[in-house]
Amino acid sequence: MEVVHKIGRRKTAVARVYVSEGNGKITVNKKDYKEYFTTAPLQYKVNQPFALTENEGSYDVSINVYGGGITGQAEAIRLALSRAVCEINEENREVLKPEGLLTRDPRMVERKKFGQKKARKKFQFSKR
């Protein structure tokens, strides 16, 4: 098996994932993923596609991620890994699709409008 390359996005975070056969080593920006994502929920999000398809420890993953915050980055990685696992074995799609891991979350930050304080908030109105 050659290297599988996929991209995942969430908010402004972009993750490039390179999956190859190996023994389960996951590196994010040249660090171990447990060092990069310090909290357990974020580590779970990164591992979720492998856990659901029962492929933990069978692939080496190299990830480049930039933009956004740490949660957005973890969810971008999850989407990219889900896409890669589906390309490796099409049967994994039936497991990941009902969990919503193959859906790109379209929610983005709404832009600030001129003449307003934020996207929806207005400046304080003075009657007198």
N, C-alpha and C. Protein backbone atom coordinates (compact mmCIF):
# COMPACT_ATOMS: atom_id res chain seq x y z
N MET A 1 0.84 -1.19 0.00
CA MET A 1 0.00 0.00 0.00
C MET A 1 0.88 1.25 0.00
N GLU A 2 0.59 2.15 -0.92
CA GLU A 2 1.32 3.42 -0.93
C GLU A 2 0.67 4.41 0.02
N VAL A 3 1.23 5.61 0.10
CA VAL A 3 0.74 6.62 1.03
C VAL A 3 -0.56 7.21 0.51
N VAL A 4 -1.56 7.31 1.40
CA VAL A 4 -2.85 7.92 1.06
C VAL A 4 -2.85 9.33 1.62
N HIS A 5 -3.15 10.32 0.77
CA HIS A 5 -3.14 11.73 1.17
C HIS A 5 -4.56 12.28 1.10
N LYS A 6 -5.03 12.87 2.19
CA LYS A 6 -6.37 13.47 2.22
C LYS A 6 -6.32 14.79 2.98
N ILE A 7 -7.31 15.65 2.72
CA ILE A 7 -7.41 16.96 3.38
C ILE A 7 -8.74 17.04 4.11
N GLY A 8 -8.70 17.61 5.33
CA GLY A 8 -9.92 17.85 6.10
C GLY A 8 -9.92 19.29 6.57
N ARG A 9 -11.11 19.90 6.62
CA ARG A 9 -11.22 21.29 7.06
C ARG A 9 -12.32 21.44 8.10
N ARG A 10 -12.14 22.40 9.00
CA ARG A 10 -13.17 22.74 9.99
C ARG A 10 -12.93 24.18 10.41
N LYS A 11 -13.93 25.05 10.29
CA LYS A 11 -13.78 26.49 10.52
C LYS A 11 -12.62 27.00 9.67
N THR A 12 -11.54 27.48 10.28
CA THR A 12 -10.41 27.95 9.47
C THR A 12 -9.22 27.00 9.56
N ALA A 13 -9.39 25.83 10.18
CA ALA A 13 -8.30 24.86 10.31
C ALA A 13 -8.25 23.95 9.08
N VAL A 14 -7.04 23.67 8.61
CA VAL A 14 -6.84 22.79 7.47
C VAL A 14 -5.85 21.71 7.88
N ALA A 15 -6.22 20.44 7.68
CA ALA A 15 -5.36 19.32 8.05
C ALA A 15 -5.03 18.50 6.80
N ARG A 16 -3.74 18.26 6.59
CA ARG A 16 -3.28 17.37 5.53
C ARG A 16 -2.80 16.09 6.19
N VAL A 17 -3.35 14.96 5.76
CA VAL A 17 -3.08 13.68 6.41
C VAL A 17 -2.43 12.73 5.41
N TYR A 18 -1.34 12.08 5.85
CA TYR A 18 -0.64 11.09 5.04
C TYR A 18 -0.66 9.77 5.81
N VAL A 19 -1.39 8.78 5.27
CA VAL A 19 -1.57 7.49 5.95
C VAL A 19 -0.79 6.42 5.20
N SER A 20 0.02 5.66 5.94
CA SER A 20 0.76 4.54 5.36
C SER A 20 0.71 3.37 6.34
N GLU A 21 1.02 2.17 5.83
CA GLU A 21 1.01 0.98 6.70
C GLU A 21 2.09 1.11 7.75
N GLY A 22 1.80 0.68 8.96
CA GLY A 22 2.78 0.80 10.04
C GLY A 22 2.27 0.19 11.32
N ASN A 23 2.69 0.81 12.44
CA ASN A 23 2.32 0.25 13.75
C ASN A 23 1.56 1.23 14.63
N GLY A 24 0.88 2.21 14.04
CA GLY A 24 -0.01 3.08 14.81
C GLY A 24 0.61 4.36 15.32
N LYS A 25 1.71 4.82 14.73
CA LYS A 25 2.36 6.06 15.18
C LYS A 25 1.67 7.25 14.51
N ILE A 26 1.16 8.18 15.32
CA ILE A 26 0.48 9.36 14.80
C ILE A 26 1.29 10.58 15.18
N THR A 27 1.76 11.34 14.17
CA THR A 27 2.52 12.57 14.43
C THR A 27 1.77 13.76 13.85
N VAL A 28 1.66 14.82 14.66
CA VAL A 28 1.00 16.05 14.24
C VAL A 28 2.05 17.17 14.29
N ASN A 29 2.31 17.78 13.15
CA ASN A 29 3.33 18.84 13.05
C ASN A 29 4.65 18.41 13.70
N LYS A 30 5.10 17.20 13.36
CA LYS A 30 6.37 16.62 13.84
C LYS A 30 6.43 16.39 15.35
N LYS A 31 5.27 16.34 16.01
CA LYS A 31 5.19 15.98 17.42
C LYS A 31 4.24 14.79 17.53
N ASP A 32 4.37 14.03 18.61
CA ASP A 32 3.41 12.97 18.88
C ASP A 32 2.05 13.60 19.14
N TYR A 33 0.98 12.95 18.67
CA TYR A 33 -0.34 13.57 18.81
C TYR A 33 -0.76 13.75 20.27
N LYS A 34 -0.26 12.92 21.18
CA LYS A 34 -0.60 13.07 22.60
C LYS A 34 0.12 14.27 23.21
N GLU A 35 1.23 14.65 22.60
CA GLU A 35 1.95 15.84 23.05
C GLU A 35 1.29 17.11 22.48
N TYR A 36 0.80 17.01 21.23
CA TYR A 36 0.18 18.16 20.55
C TYR A 36 -1.21 18.43 21.12
N PHE A 37 -2.03 17.38 21.24
CA PHE A 37 -3.37 17.48 21.84
C PHE A 37 -3.29 16.94 23.26
N THR A 38 -3.25 17.84 24.24
CA THR A 38 -2.99 17.41 25.62
C THR A 38 -4.22 16.85 26.32
N THR A 39 -5.43 17.24 25.91
CA THR A 39 -6.63 16.77 26.61
C THR A 39 -7.16 15.48 25.99
N ALA A 40 -7.80 14.67 26.82
CA ALA A 40 -8.32 13.37 26.38
C ALA A 40 -9.41 13.47 25.30
N PRO A 41 -10.37 14.42 25.39
CA PRO A 41 -11.39 14.50 24.34
C PRO A 41 -10.81 14.78 22.95
N LEU A 42 -9.77 15.61 22.89
CA LEU A 42 -9.15 15.92 21.59
C LEU A 42 -8.39 14.70 21.06
N GLN A 43 -7.72 13.97 21.94
CA GLN A 43 -7.02 12.76 21.53
C GLN A 43 -8.03 11.72 21.03
N TYR A 44 -9.19 11.66 21.68
CA TYR A 44 -10.24 10.73 21.26
C TYR A 44 -10.74 11.09 19.87
N LYS A 45 -10.93 12.40 19.60
CA LYS A 45 -11.40 12.84 18.29
C LYS A 45 -10.43 12.44 17.19
N VAL A 46 -9.14 12.57 17.46
CA VAL A 46 -8.14 12.21 16.46
C VAL A 46 -8.16 10.70 16.20
N ASN A 47 -8.36 9.91 17.24
CA ASN A 47 -8.34 8.44 17.13
C ASN A 47 -9.66 7.84 16.67
N GLN A 48 -10.73 8.60 16.70
CA GLN A 48 -12.09 8.08 16.49
C GLN A 48 -12.26 7.28 15.18
N PRO A 49 -11.78 7.76 14.02
CA PRO A 49 -11.98 6.95 12.80
C PRO A 49 -11.34 5.57 12.89
N PHE A 50 -10.17 5.47 13.54
CA PHE A 50 -9.51 4.17 13.68
C PHE A 50 -10.24 3.30 14.70
N ALA A 51 -10.73 3.92 15.79
CA ALA A 51 -11.43 3.16 16.82
C ALA A 51 -12.73 2.57 16.27
N LEU A 52 -13.48 3.34 15.50
CA LEU A 52 -14.76 2.86 14.98
C LEU A 52 -14.58 1.76 13.92
N THR A 53 -13.50 1.85 13.14
CA THR A 53 -13.27 0.86 12.09
C THR A 53 -12.35 -0.27 12.56
N GLU A 54 -11.97 -0.25 13.84
CA GLU A 54 -11.12 -1.27 14.45
C GLU A 54 -9.79 -1.42 13.72
N ASN A 55 -9.15 -0.26 13.42
CA ASN A 55 -7.86 -0.25 12.74
C ASN A 55 -6.76 0.36 13.61
N GLU A 56 -6.99 0.47 14.92
CA GLU A 56 -6.00 1.09 15.79
C GLU A 56 -4.70 0.30 15.75
N GLY A 57 -3.59 1.01 15.55
CA GLY A 57 -2.28 0.37 15.56
C GLY A 57 -1.88 -0.29 14.26
N SER A 58 -2.63 -0.07 13.18
CA SER A 58 -2.27 -0.70 11.91
C SER A 58 -1.75 0.28 10.86
N TYR A 59 -1.85 1.58 11.13
CA TYR A 59 -1.39 2.59 10.17
C TYR A 59 -0.55 3.65 10.86
N ASP A 60 0.51 4.09 10.16
CA ASP A 60 1.28 5.25 10.60
C ASP A 60 0.69 6.48 9.93
N VAL A 61 0.53 7.56 10.69
CA VAL A 61 -0.11 8.76 10.17
C VAL A 61 0.80 9.96 10.42
N SER A 62 1.02 10.73 9.36
CA SER A 62 1.75 11.99 9.48
C SER A 62 0.78 13.10 9.12
N ILE A 63 0.66 14.10 9.99
CA ILE A 63 -0.35 15.14 9.83
C ILE A 63 0.30 16.52 9.87
N ASN A 64 -0.07 17.37 8.90
CA ASN A 64 0.29 18.78 8.94
C ASN A 64 -1.02 19.55 9.12
N VAL A 65 -1.09 20.38 10.16
CA VAL A 65 -2.32 21.12 10.42
C VAL A 65 -1.98 22.55 10.76
N TYR A 66 -2.78 23.48 10.25
CA TYR A 66 -2.56 24.90 10.53
C TYR A 66 -3.90 25.63 10.52
N GLY A 67 -3.92 26.80 11.14
CA GLY A 67 -5.13 27.64 11.16
C GLY A 67 -6.09 27.22 12.25
N GLY A 68 -6.92 28.16 12.67
CA GLY A 68 -7.97 27.86 13.65
C GLY A 68 -7.43 27.58 15.02
N GLY A 69 -8.28 27.04 15.87
CA GLY A 69 -7.91 26.69 17.24
C GLY A 69 -7.66 25.20 17.35
N ILE A 70 -7.39 24.77 18.55
CA ILE A 70 -6.99 23.37 18.76
C ILE A 70 -8.16 22.40 18.54
N THR A 71 -9.38 22.80 18.89
CA THR A 71 -10.54 21.93 18.68
C THR A 71 -10.86 21.81 17.19
N GLY A 72 -10.83 22.95 16.49
CA GLY A 72 -11.06 22.93 15.04
C GLY A 72 -10.03 22.09 14.32
N GLN A 73 -8.78 22.15 14.80
CA GLN A 73 -7.72 21.35 14.19
C GLN A 73 -7.97 19.86 14.41
N ALA A 74 -8.40 19.49 15.62
CA ALA A 74 -8.68 18.08 15.92
C ALA A 74 -9.83 17.56 15.05
N GLU A 75 -10.85 18.38 14.85
CA GLU A 75 -11.99 17.95 14.04
C GLU A 75 -11.63 17.91 12.56
N ALA A 76 -10.74 18.79 12.11
CA ALA A 76 -10.26 18.75 10.73
C ALA A 76 -9.46 17.47 10.49
N ILE A 77 -8.65 17.09 11.47
CA ILE A 77 -7.87 15.85 11.38
C ILE A 77 -8.81 14.65 11.33
N ARG A 78 -9.85 14.68 12.16
CA ARG A 78 -10.82 13.58 12.19
C ARG A 78 -11.48 13.38 10.83
N LEU A 79 -11.87 14.48 10.17
CA LEU A 79 -12.50 14.39 8.84
C LEU A 79 -11.52 13.83 7.82
N ALA A 80 -10.28 14.32 7.84
CA ALA A 80 -9.28 13.85 6.87
C ALA A 80 -8.96 12.37 7.08
N LEU A 81 -8.84 11.95 8.35
CA LEU A 81 -8.57 10.53 8.63
C LEU A 81 -9.74 9.65 8.20
N SER A 82 -10.96 10.14 8.42
CA SER A 82 -12.14 9.37 8.00
C SER A 82 -12.15 9.17 6.49
N ARG A 83 -11.81 10.24 5.75
CA ARG A 83 -11.75 10.14 4.30
C ARG A 83 -10.66 9.17 3.86
N ALA A 84 -9.51 9.20 4.53
CA ALA A 84 -8.41 8.31 4.18
C ALA A 84 -8.76 6.85 4.46
N VAL A 85 -9.40 6.59 5.61
CA VAL A 85 -9.78 5.22 5.97
C VAL A 85 -10.80 4.68 4.97
N CYS A 86 -11.67 5.55 4.47
CA CYS A 86 -12.66 5.13 3.47
C CYS A 86 -11.99 4.79 2.14
N GLU A 87 -10.94 5.54 1.80
CA GLU A 87 -10.24 5.24 0.55
C GLU A 87 -9.48 3.93 0.64
N ILE A 88 -8.93 3.62 1.82
CA ILE A 88 -8.20 2.37 2.03
C ILE A 88 -9.13 1.18 1.89
N ASN A 89 -10.30 1.26 2.55
CA ASN A 89 -11.27 0.17 2.49
C ASN A 89 -12.67 0.78 2.43
N GLU A 90 -13.36 0.57 1.31
CA GLU A 90 -14.67 1.17 1.08
C GLU A 90 -15.73 0.70 2.09
N GLU A 91 -15.53 -0.48 2.70
CA GLU A 91 -16.50 -1.00 3.66
C GLU A 91 -16.56 -0.16 4.94
N ASN A 92 -15.49 0.60 5.21
CA ASN A 92 -15.47 1.46 6.40
C ASN A 92 -16.48 2.59 6.31
N ARG A 93 -16.92 2.90 5.10
CA ARG A 93 -17.87 4.00 4.88
C ARG A 93 -19.18 3.75 5.64
N GLU A 94 -19.63 2.48 5.65
CA GLU A 94 -20.90 2.15 6.32
C GLU A 94 -20.82 2.35 7.83
N VAL A 95 -19.61 2.29 8.39
CA VAL A 95 -19.43 2.50 9.84
C VAL A 95 -19.34 4.00 10.15
N LEU A 96 -18.60 4.74 9.32
CA LEU A 96 -18.32 6.14 9.61
C LEU A 96 -19.46 7.09 9.24
N LYS A 97 -20.19 6.78 8.18
CA LYS A 97 -21.25 7.67 7.70
C LYS A 97 -22.34 7.92 8.74
N PRO A 98 -22.88 6.87 9.40
CA PRO A 98 -23.93 7.13 10.41
C PRO A 98 -23.43 7.95 11.60
N GLU A 99 -22.13 7.87 11.90
CA GLU A 99 -21.56 8.64 13.01
C GLU A 99 -21.33 10.10 12.62
N GLY A 100 -21.48 10.44 11.34
CA GLY A 100 -21.32 11.82 10.88
C GLY A 100 -19.88 12.24 10.69
N LEU A 101 -18.97 11.28 10.57
CA LEU A 101 -17.55 11.62 10.45
C LEU A 101 -17.13 11.96 9.02
N LEU A 102 -17.99 11.71 8.04
CA LEU A 102 -17.65 12.02 6.66
C LEU A 102 -18.29 13.32 6.19
N THR A 103 -18.97 14.03 7.09
CA THR A 103 -19.66 15.27 6.75
C THR A 103 -18.79 16.46 7.11
N ARG A 104 -18.57 17.34 6.15
CA ARG A 104 -17.81 18.57 6.38
C ARG A 104 -18.73 19.54 7.10
N ASP A 105 -18.35 19.97 8.31
CA ASP A 105 -19.17 20.90 9.08
C ASP A 105 -19.06 22.28 8.45
N PRO A 106 -20.15 22.83 7.90
CA PRO A 106 -20.05 24.09 7.14
C PRO A 106 -20.05 25.35 7.99
N ARG A 107 -20.22 25.21 9.31
CA ARG A 107 -20.36 26.41 10.14
C ARG A 107 -19.05 27.19 10.21
N MET A 108 -19.13 28.46 9.84
CA MET A 108 -17.97 29.34 9.88
C MET A 108 -18.35 30.59 10.67
N VAL A 109 -17.34 31.37 11.05
CA VAL A 109 -17.59 32.61 11.77
C VAL A 109 -18.19 33.61 10.79
N GLU A 110 -19.28 34.24 11.22
CA GLU A 110 -19.93 35.24 10.38
C GLU A 110 -19.10 36.52 10.37
N ARG A 111 -19.01 37.15 9.21
CA ARG A 111 -18.16 38.34 9.10
C ARG A 111 -18.77 39.54 9.82
N LYS A 112 -17.90 40.43 10.27
CA LYS A 112 -18.33 41.66 10.90
C LYS A 112 -18.82 42.61 9.82
N LYS A 113 -19.95 43.28 10.07
CA LYS A 113 -20.48 44.24 9.12
C LYS A 113 -20.09 45.67 9.53
N PHE A 114 -19.90 46.53 8.55
CA PHE A 114 -19.57 47.93 8.85
C PHE A 114 -20.78 48.62 9.49
N GLY A 115 -20.51 49.58 10.35
CA GLY A 115 -21.59 50.27 11.05
C GLY A 115 -22.14 49.47 12.21
N GLN A 116 -21.52 48.34 12.53
CA GLN A 116 -21.94 47.51 13.66
C GLN A 116 -20.72 47.15 14.48
N LYS A 117 -20.98 46.76 15.74
CA LYS A 117 -19.89 46.41 16.63
C LYS A 117 -19.28 45.05 16.28
N LYS A 118 -20.16 44.07 16.00
CA LYS A 118 -19.74 42.72 15.60
C LYS A 118 -20.62 42.27 14.44
N ALA A 119 -20.73 40.97 14.21
CA ALA A 119 -21.52 40.47 13.09
C ALA A 119 -23.00 40.84 13.23
N ARG A 120 -23.54 40.67 14.44
CA ARG A 120 -24.97 40.97 14.66
C ARG A 120 -25.18 42.07 15.68
N LYS A 121 -24.22 42.24 16.59
CA LYS A 121 -24.36 43.23 17.66
C LYS A 121 -24.21 44.64 17.06
N LYS A 122 -25.08 45.54 17.53
CA LYS A 122 -25.02 46.92 17.05
C LYS A 122 -24.32 47.80 18.09
N PHE A 123 -23.94 49.01 17.66
CA PHE A 123 -23.44 49.99 18.62
C PHE A 123 -24.59 50.43 19.50
N GLN A 124 -24.29 50.92 20.72
CA GLN A 124 -25.33 51.32 21.65
C GLN A 124 -26.13 52.47 21.05
N PHE A 125 -27.47 52.32 21.13
CA PHE A 125 -28.36 53.34 20.56
C PHE A 125 -28.67 54.39 21.62
N SER A 126 -28.52 55.66 21.23
CA SER A 126 -28.81 56.75 22.14
C SER A 126 -30.02 57.52 21.63
N LYS A 127 -31.06 57.58 22.45
CA LYS A 127 -32.29 58.25 22.04
C LYS A 127 -32.10 59.76 22.12
N ARG A 128 -31.36 60.24 23.14
CA ARG A 128 -31.18 61.67 23.33
C ARG A 128 -29.70 62.03 23.34
